[in-house]
Amino acid sequence: MDHSKLKKAQLIEEIEALQEKIAELERDEEQLVYTATHDLLTGLPNRTLFDDRLNLALARAYRYHQKLAVMSLNLDHFKDVNDTLGHKAGDRLLQAVGERLTGLLRRSDTVARTGGDDFMLVIPELGRVEDAAEVARKILDALRKPFVLDDHELAITASIGIAIYPYDGEDADTLMRNADIAMRRAKNQGGDNHQRYIPVMKAEAST
């Protein structure tokens, strides 16, 4: 092989190596972004991505004069699962709950795991305020169906709090806080139910 052909072959090898390095860096960057925006146990959006999606949904709701719902969901007696079956079973249950919630919702909706057995949801483009309660009932019904984990069949329920934009808050922080207050009311009433935020709940929560 003459010198020019050898040099050309070496150049091609260097270009291919550089392209592979760039592709590797891009994959690493994608993984870093995914890790920063998703819950690694369930694959659901985490609080960071949830906040972004909620703010985008609020901007759209404001622009087009639409309603949306923010829901705070907490599993009832989840600690009992960890205590009796172990944390691995608890983790598998959280994964199964995430999959079931995702399967219930529209592509435009968002469900995120925000920590422990806490989930947050954004339901945009509500036709009626009552539609949020219908979604919550659908979720509660779905979660009552037993989960099969290895040799165990688990029945679980949840408590859901609902806050509606613009009636129960006009910004993300207020809506999430009020949805959480309503969820605690549902929890205090025995769980396995949903509650929409009303102002008196805020006073009760602070006492």
Protein backbone atom coordinates (compact mmCIF):
# COMPACT_ATOMS: atom_id res chain seq x y z
CA MET A 1 0.00 0.00 0.00
CA ASP A 2 1.45 3.38 -0.98
CA HIS A 3 1.85 6.19 1.51
CA SER A 4 -1.25 8.16 0.41
CA LYS A 5 -3.53 5.12 0.68
CA LEU A 6 -2.11 4.27 4.11
CA LYS A 7 -2.66 7.81 5.30
CA LYS A 8 -6.23 7.77 3.97
CA ALA A 9 -6.97 4.47 5.74
CA GLN A 10 -5.58 5.83 9.01
CA LEU A 11 -7.69 8.97 8.62
CA ILE A 12 -10.83 6.88 8.07
CA GLU A 13 -10.05 4.87 11.21
CA GLU A 14 -9.55 8.06 13.22
CA ILE A 15 -12.85 9.49 11.96
CA GLU A 16 -14.71 6.28 12.81
CA ALA A 17 -13.15 6.23 16.28
CA LEU A 18 -14.14 9.86 16.79
CA GLN A 19 -17.70 9.17 15.64
CA GLU A 20 -17.95 6.26 18.07
CA LYS A 21 -16.64 8.46 20.88
CA ILE A 22 -19.21 11.15 20.07
CA ALA A 23 -21.98 8.54 20.03
CA GLU A 24 -20.79 7.22 23.40
CA LEU A 25 -20.81 10.73 24.88
CA GLU A 26 -24.33 11.30 23.53
CA ARG A 27 -25.51 8.04 25.12
CA ASP A 28 -23.92 9.06 28.42
CA GLU A 29 -25.63 12.45 28.23
CA GLU A 30 -29.01 10.84 27.50
CA GLN A 31 -28.52 8.54 30.48
CA LEU A 32 -27.65 11.47 32.73
CA VAL A 33 -30.75 13.36 31.60
CA TYR A 34 -32.92 10.29 32.15
CA THR A 35 -31.45 9.72 35.61
CA ALA A 36 -32.06 13.36 36.53
CA THR A 37 -35.69 13.34 35.40
CA HIS A 38 -37.00 9.84 36.18
CA ASP A 39 -37.57 7.62 39.17
CA LEU A 40 -35.15 4.75 38.62
CA LEU A 41 -37.31 2.17 40.40
CA THR A 42 -40.52 2.63 38.42
CA GLY A 43 -39.32 4.46 35.31
CA LEU A 44 -41.93 7.14 35.96
CA PRO A 45 -41.15 10.86 35.85
CA ASN A 46 -39.69 12.15 39.11
CA ARG A 47 -40.51 15.39 40.91
CA THR A 48 -38.22 17.43 38.64
CA LEU A 49 -39.90 16.29 35.43
CA PHE A 50 -43.33 16.45 37.05
CA ASP A 51 -42.78 20.10 37.94
CA ASP A 52 -41.77 20.87 34.35
CA ARG A 53 -44.81 19.12 32.88
CA LEU A 54 -47.18 20.72 35.36
CA ASN A 55 -45.88 24.19 34.57
CA LEU A 56 -46.20 23.53 30.83
CA ALA A 57 -49.76 22.26 31.35
CA LEU A 58 -50.60 25.33 33.43
CA ALA A 59 -49.25 27.66 30.75
CA ARG A 60 -51.41 25.92 28.16
CA ALA A 61 -54.47 25.94 30.44
CA TYR A 62 -54.02 29.67 31.04
CA ARG A 63 -53.63 30.42 27.35
CA TYR A 64 -56.63 28.39 26.22
CA HIS A 65 -58.85 28.98 29.29
CA GLN A 66 -58.86 25.30 30.22
CA LYS A 67 -59.19 23.44 33.50
CA LEU A 68 -56.74 20.85 34.77
CA ALA A 69 -56.47 18.62 37.82
CA VAL A 70 -53.51 17.91 40.06
CA MET A 71 -53.82 14.75 42.11
CA SER A 72 -51.82 13.56 45.09
CA LEU A 73 -51.99 9.79 45.57
CA ASN A 74 -50.67 7.82 48.53
CA LEU A 75 -50.96 4.07 48.97
CA ASP A 76 -52.81 2.99 52.11
CA HIS A 77 -50.89 0.85 54.62
CA PHE A 78 -47.93 0.41 52.28
CA LYS A 79 -45.62 0.09 55.28
CA ASP A 80 -47.39 -3.17 56.14
CA VAL A 81 -46.21 -4.65 52.83
CA ASN A 82 -42.59 -3.77 53.59
CA ASP A 83 -42.89 -5.04 57.15
CA THR A 84 -44.48 -8.38 56.28
CA LEU A 85 -43.02 -9.24 52.86
CA GLY A 86 -39.83 -7.17 52.77
CA HIS A 87 -38.62 -4.17 50.81
CA LYS A 88 -38.09 -6.11 47.58
CA ALA A 89 -41.78 -6.99 47.51
CA GLY A 90 -42.59 -3.37 48.30
CA ASP A 91 -40.43 -2.23 45.39
CA ARG A 92 -42.13 -4.66 43.01
CA LEU A 93 -45.51 -3.43 44.19
CA LEU A 94 -44.53 0.17 43.48
CA GLN A 95 -43.43 -0.84 39.99
CA ALA A 96 -46.73 -2.65 39.40
CA VAL A 97 -48.72 0.33 40.68
CA GLY A 98 -46.79 2.63 38.34
CA GLU A 99 -47.54 0.38 35.38
CA ARG A 100 -51.22 0.16 36.26
CA LEU A 101 -51.56 3.92 36.65
CA THR A 102 -49.77 4.56 33.36
CA GLY A 103 -52.07 2.13 31.59
CA LEU A 104 -55.15 3.97 32.85
CA LEU A 105 -54.20 7.46 31.75
CA ARG A 106 -54.13 9.33 28.47
CA ARG A 107 -50.87 10.14 26.71
CA SER A 108 -51.40 13.79 27.62
CA ASP A 109 -51.63 12.96 31.35
CA THR A 110 -48.61 12.64 33.62
CA VAL A 111 -48.09 10.32 36.57
CA ALA A 112 -44.91 10.68 38.62
CA ARG A 113 -43.47 8.97 41.64
CA THR A 114 -42.37 11.73 43.97
CA GLY A 115 -41.03 9.59 46.81
CA GLY A 116 -41.81 6.52 48.88
CA ASP A 117 -45.37 5.47 48.08
CA ASP A 118 -46.35 8.96 46.91
CA PHE A 119 -47.47 9.67 43.36
CA MET A 120 -48.55 12.91 41.69
CA LEU A 121 -50.70 13.24 38.59
CA VAL A 122 -51.54 16.01 36.14
CA ILE A 123 -54.78 15.63 34.20
CA PRO A 124 -54.95 18.48 31.65
CA GLU A 125 -57.80 19.63 29.42
CA LEU A 126 -60.63 18.74 31.78
CA GLY A 127 -63.98 19.13 30.10
CA ARG A 128 -65.78 19.42 33.44
CA VAL A 129 -64.65 19.70 37.05
CA GLU A 130 -66.53 16.45 37.72
CA ASP A 131 -64.25 14.62 35.27
CA ALA A 132 -61.42 14.74 37.82
CA ALA A 133 -63.49 12.78 40.34
CA GLU A 134 -64.33 10.27 37.63
CA VAL A 135 -60.63 9.74 36.90
CA ALA A 136 -59.95 9.33 40.63
CA ARG A 137 -62.72 6.73 40.95
CA LYS A 138 -61.29 4.87 37.97
CA ILE A 139 -57.86 4.82 39.61
CA LEU A 140 -59.21 3.60 42.95
CA ASP A 141 -61.18 0.83 41.24
CA ALA A 142 -58.11 -0.30 39.31
CA LEU A 143 -55.88 -0.36 42.39
CA ARG A 144 -58.37 -2.51 44.31
CA LYS A 145 -57.78 -5.35 41.87
CA PRO A 146 -55.21 -7.71 43.43
CA PHE A 147 -51.55 -7.50 42.48
CA VAL A 148 -49.78 -10.85 42.08
CA LEU A 149 -46.15 -10.72 43.20
CA ASP A 150 -44.36 -14.06 43.12
CA ASP A 151 -46.55 -16.33 45.24
CA HIS A 152 -48.35 -13.48 46.97
CA GLU A 153 -51.61 -11.83 46.00
CA LEU A 154 -51.81 -8.32 47.41
CA ALA A 155 -54.88 -6.14 47.71
CA ILE A 156 -54.10 -2.47 48.15
CA THR A 157 -56.03 0.77 48.26
CA ALA A 158 -55.10 4.43 47.94
CA SER A 159 -56.04 7.89 49.11
CA ILE A 160 -56.32 10.63 46.47
CA GLY A 161 -56.50 14.39 46.87
CA ILE A 162 -57.60 16.61 44.00
CA ALA A 163 -56.97 20.29 43.28
CA ILE A 164 -58.47 21.94 40.20
CA TYR A 165 -56.94 24.82 38.25
CA PRO A 166 -57.95 27.63 38.40
CA TYR A 167 -60.41 27.20 41.29
CA ASP A 168 -58.11 25.60 43.88
CA GLY A 169 -54.91 27.38 42.89
CA GLU A 170 -53.36 29.17 39.95
CA ASP A 171 -49.73 28.09 40.32
CA ALA A 172 -47.97 24.75 40.61
CA ASP A 173 -46.92 25.03 44.25
CA THR A 174 -50.41 25.96 45.46
CA LEU A 175 -52.10 23.22 43.46
CA MET A 176 -49.68 20.54 44.67
CA ARG A 177 -49.96 21.71 48.26
CA ASN A 178 -53.75 21.75 48.16
CA ALA A 179 -53.93 18.36 46.45
CA ASP A 180 -51.73 16.99 49.24
CA ILE A 181 -53.96 18.54 51.91
CA ALA A 182 -57.00 16.91 50.27
CA MET A 183 -55.17 13.57 50.12
CA ARG A 184 -54.55 13.75 53.86
CA ARG A 185 -58.26 14.34 54.40
CA ALA A 186 -58.97 11.20 52.35
CA LYS A 187 -56.39 9.32 54.43
CA ASN A 188 -57.93 10.54 57.69
CA GLN A 189 -61.32 9.28 56.54
CA GLY A 190 -59.99 5.75 56.35
CA GLY A 191 -58.36 5.72 52.93
CA ASP A 192 -59.67 4.13 49.74
CA ASN A 193 -61.40 7.36 48.73
CA HIS A 194 -60.79 10.65 46.99
CA GLN A 195 -61.37 14.19 48.20
CA ARG A 196 -61.37 17.48 46.37
CA TYR A 197 -59.67 20.38 48.11
CA ILE A 198 -61.86 22.92 49.88
CA PRO A 199 -60.44 25.89 51.85
CA VAL A 200 -61.57 24.59 55.24
CA MET A 201 -59.13 21.69 54.83
CA LYS A 202 -56.21 24.11 55.01
CA ALA A 203 -57.30 25.33 58.43
CA GLU A 204 -57.83 21.76 59.62
CA ALA A 205 -54.38 20.71 58.38
CA SER A 206 -52.69 23.49 60.35
CA THR A 207 -54.32 22.55 63.68
